[in-house]
Amino acid sequence: MIPIILSVILLIALVFSMSIVIRKRKKAGIAGIRSALTSICFFLIAVTNLSAYWFNFMGLLNWSITVILLIVGAYFTKYMPVSDS
């Protein structure tokens, strides 16, 4: 029962955080895919790990995908806009 509740909480938090990122990007007038790739990679890490948990592929493939997405997300931080504050 606990894993189901935690998975639902993760999905709700993921949808909520995606909506906040999209709203902030629209408000700031940021366009383009390069500046969004860091957020996309981090969201994909959460989806990958959740699906790995539920479909039982918690092995080398899951770790490899997670590390690759983390490296790609870190690489594309240089395209993120700098805030004025």
C-alpha atoms as a PDB file:
ATOM      1  CA  MET A   1       0.000   0.000   0.000  1.00  0.00           C
ATOM      2  CA  ILE A   2       2.829   2.401   0.861  1.00  0.00           C
ATOM      3  CA  PRO A   3       4.546   2.099  -2.568  1.00  0.00           C
ATOM      4  CA  ILE A   4       1.292   2.975  -4.306  1.00  0.00           C
ATOM      5  CA  ILE A   5       0.793   6.040  -2.118  1.00  0.00           C
ATOM      6  CA  LEU A   6       4.386   7.173  -2.666  1.00  0.00           C
ATOM      7  CA  SER A   7       4.069   6.677  -6.419  1.00  0.00           C
ATOM      8  CA  VAL A   8       0.893   8.754  -6.524  1.00  0.00           C
ATOM      9  CA  ILE A   9       2.570  11.492  -4.473  1.00  0.00           C
ATOM     10  CA  LEU A  10       5.548  11.445  -6.868  1.00  0.00           C
ATOM     11  CA  LEU A  11       3.278  11.725  -9.900  1.00  0.00           C
ATOM     12  CA  ILE A  12       1.326  14.599  -8.361  1.00  0.00           C
ATOM     13  CA  ALA A  13       4.547  16.409  -7.441  1.00  0.00           C
ATOM     14  CA  LEU A  14       5.940  15.787 -10.927  1.00  0.00           C
ATOM     15  CA  VAL A  15       2.870  17.227 -12.668  1.00  0.00           C
ATOM     16  CA  PHE A  16       2.809  20.171 -10.248  1.00  0.00           C
ATOM     17  CA  SER A  17       6.486  20.982 -10.758  1.00  0.00           C
ATOM     18  CA  MET A  18       6.150  20.669 -14.542  1.00  0.00           C
ATOM     19  CA  SER A  19       3.301  23.148 -14.532  1.00  0.00           C
ATOM     20  CA  ILE A  20       5.333  25.581 -12.441  1.00  0.00           C
ATOM     21  CA  VAL A  21       8.316  25.323 -14.798  1.00  0.00           C
ATOM     22  CA  ILE A  22       6.115  25.887 -17.849  1.00  0.00           C
ATOM     23  CA  ARG A  23       4.354  28.831 -16.207  1.00  0.00           C
ATOM     24  CA  LYS A  24       7.633  30.487 -15.177  1.00  0.00           C
ATOM     25  CA  ARG A  25       9.112  30.018 -18.659  1.00  0.00           C
ATOM     26  CA  LYS A  26       6.056  31.626 -20.269  1.00  0.00           C
ATOM     27  CA  LYS A  27       6.075  34.488 -17.775  1.00  0.00           C
ATOM     28  CA  ALA A  28       9.756  35.188 -18.421  1.00  0.00           C
ATOM     29  CA  GLY A  29       9.259  34.915 -22.187  1.00  0.00           C
ATOM     30  CA  ILE A  30      11.824  32.152 -22.548  1.00  0.00           C
ATOM     31  CA  ALA A  31      11.546  30.134 -25.734  1.00  0.00           C
ATOM     32  CA  GLY A  32      13.624  27.367 -27.188  1.00  0.00           C
ATOM     33  CA  ILE A  33      14.318  23.792 -26.343  1.00  0.00           C
ATOM     34  CA  ARG A  34      17.934  24.120 -25.214  1.00  0.00           C
ATOM     35  CA  SER A  35      17.092  26.077 -22.093  1.00  0.00           C
ATOM     36  CA  ALA A  36      14.386  23.564 -21.202  1.00  0.00           C
ATOM     37  CA  LEU A  37      16.505  20.436 -21.620  1.00  0.00           C
ATOM     38  CA  THR A  38      17.834  20.498 -18.061  1.00  0.00           C
ATOM     39  CA  SER A  39      14.328  20.418 -16.612  1.00  0.00           C
ATOM     40  CA  ILE A  40      13.223  17.812 -19.145  1.00  0.00           C
ATOM     41  CA  CYS A  41      16.147  15.545 -18.241  1.00  0.00           C
ATOM     42  CA  PHE A  42      15.433  15.829 -14.530  1.00  0.00           C
ATOM     43  CA  PHE A  43      11.750  15.045 -15.078  1.00  0.00           C
ATOM     44  CA  LEU A  44      12.752  12.053 -17.202  1.00  0.00           C
ATOM     45  CA  ILE A  45      14.980  10.815 -14.368  1.00  0.00           C
ATOM     46  CA  ALA A  46      11.953  10.754 -12.076  1.00  0.00           C
ATOM     47  CA  VAL A  47       9.821   8.968 -14.685  1.00  0.00           C
ATOM     48  CA  THR A  48      12.598   6.453 -15.426  1.00  0.00           C
ATOM     49  CA  ASN A  49      13.116   5.580 -11.778  1.00  0.00           C
ATOM     50  CA  LEU A  50       9.390   5.282 -11.118  1.00  0.00           C
ATOM     51  CA  SER A  51       8.880   3.002 -14.107  1.00  0.00           C
ATOM     52  CA  ALA A  52      11.971   0.997 -13.126  1.00  0.00           C
ATOM     53  CA  TYR A  53      10.470   0.451  -9.707  1.00  0.00           C
ATOM     54  CA  TRP A  54       7.102  -0.672 -11.026  1.00  0.00           C
ATOM     55  CA  PHE A  55       8.389  -2.829 -13.924  1.00  0.00           C
ATOM     56  CA  ASN A  56      11.344  -4.310 -12.025  1.00  0.00           C
ATOM     57  CA  PHE A  57      14.269  -3.234 -14.142  1.00  0.00           C
ATOM     58  CA  MET A  58      16.237  -1.792 -11.249  1.00  0.00           C
ATOM     59  CA  GLY A  59      19.618  -2.737 -12.616  1.00  0.00           C
ATOM     60  CA  LEU A  60      22.390  -1.539 -14.827  1.00  0.00           C
ATOM     61  CA  LEU A  61      20.007  -0.235 -17.485  1.00  0.00           C
ATOM     62  CA  ASN A  62      18.180   2.005 -15.023  1.00  0.00           C
ATOM     63  CA  TRP A  63      21.421   3.327 -13.549  1.00  0.00           C
ATOM     64  CA  SER A  64      22.876   3.953 -16.988  1.00  0.00           C
ATOM     65  CA  ILE A  65      19.829   5.887 -18.174  1.00  0.00           C
ATOM     66  CA  THR A  66      19.787   7.917 -14.954  1.00  0.00           C
ATOM     67  CA  VAL A  67      23.482   8.807 -15.167  1.00  0.00           C
ATOM     68  CA  ILE A  68      23.235   9.715 -18.858  1.00  0.00           C
ATOM     69  CA  LEU A  69      20.217  11.950 -18.215  1.00  0.00           C
ATOM     70  CA  LEU A  70      22.010  13.566 -15.277  1.00  0.00           C
ATOM     71  CA  ILE A  71      25.092  14.317 -17.384  1.00  0.00           C
ATOM     72  CA  VAL A  72      22.989  15.675 -20.269  1.00  0.00           C
ATOM     73  CA  GLY A  73      20.967  17.811 -17.848  1.00  0.00           C
ATOM     74  CA  ALA A  74      24.148  19.167 -16.284  1.00  0.00           C
ATOM     75  CA  TYR A  75      25.608  19.935 -19.714  1.00  0.00           C
ATOM     76  CA  PHE A  76      22.602  21.982 -20.820  1.00  0.00           C
ATOM     77  CA  THR A  77      22.607  24.175 -17.701  1.00  0.00           C
ATOM     78  CA  LYS A  78      24.869  26.546 -19.617  1.00  0.00           C
ATOM     79  CA  TYR A  79      21.901  27.422 -21.843  1.00  0.00           C
ATOM     80  CA  MET A  80      19.640  28.325 -18.928  1.00  0.00           C
ATOM     81  CA  PRO A  81      18.949  32.040 -18.613  1.00  0.00           C
ATOM     82  CA  VAL A  82      20.460  33.901 -15.662  1.00  0.00           C
ATOM     83  CA  SER A  83      17.926  35.550 -13.365  1.00  0.00           C
ATOM     84  CA  ASP A  84      18.133  39.287 -12.685  1.00  0.00           C
ATOM     85  CA  SER A  85      17.854  39.048  -8.914  1.00  0.00           C
END
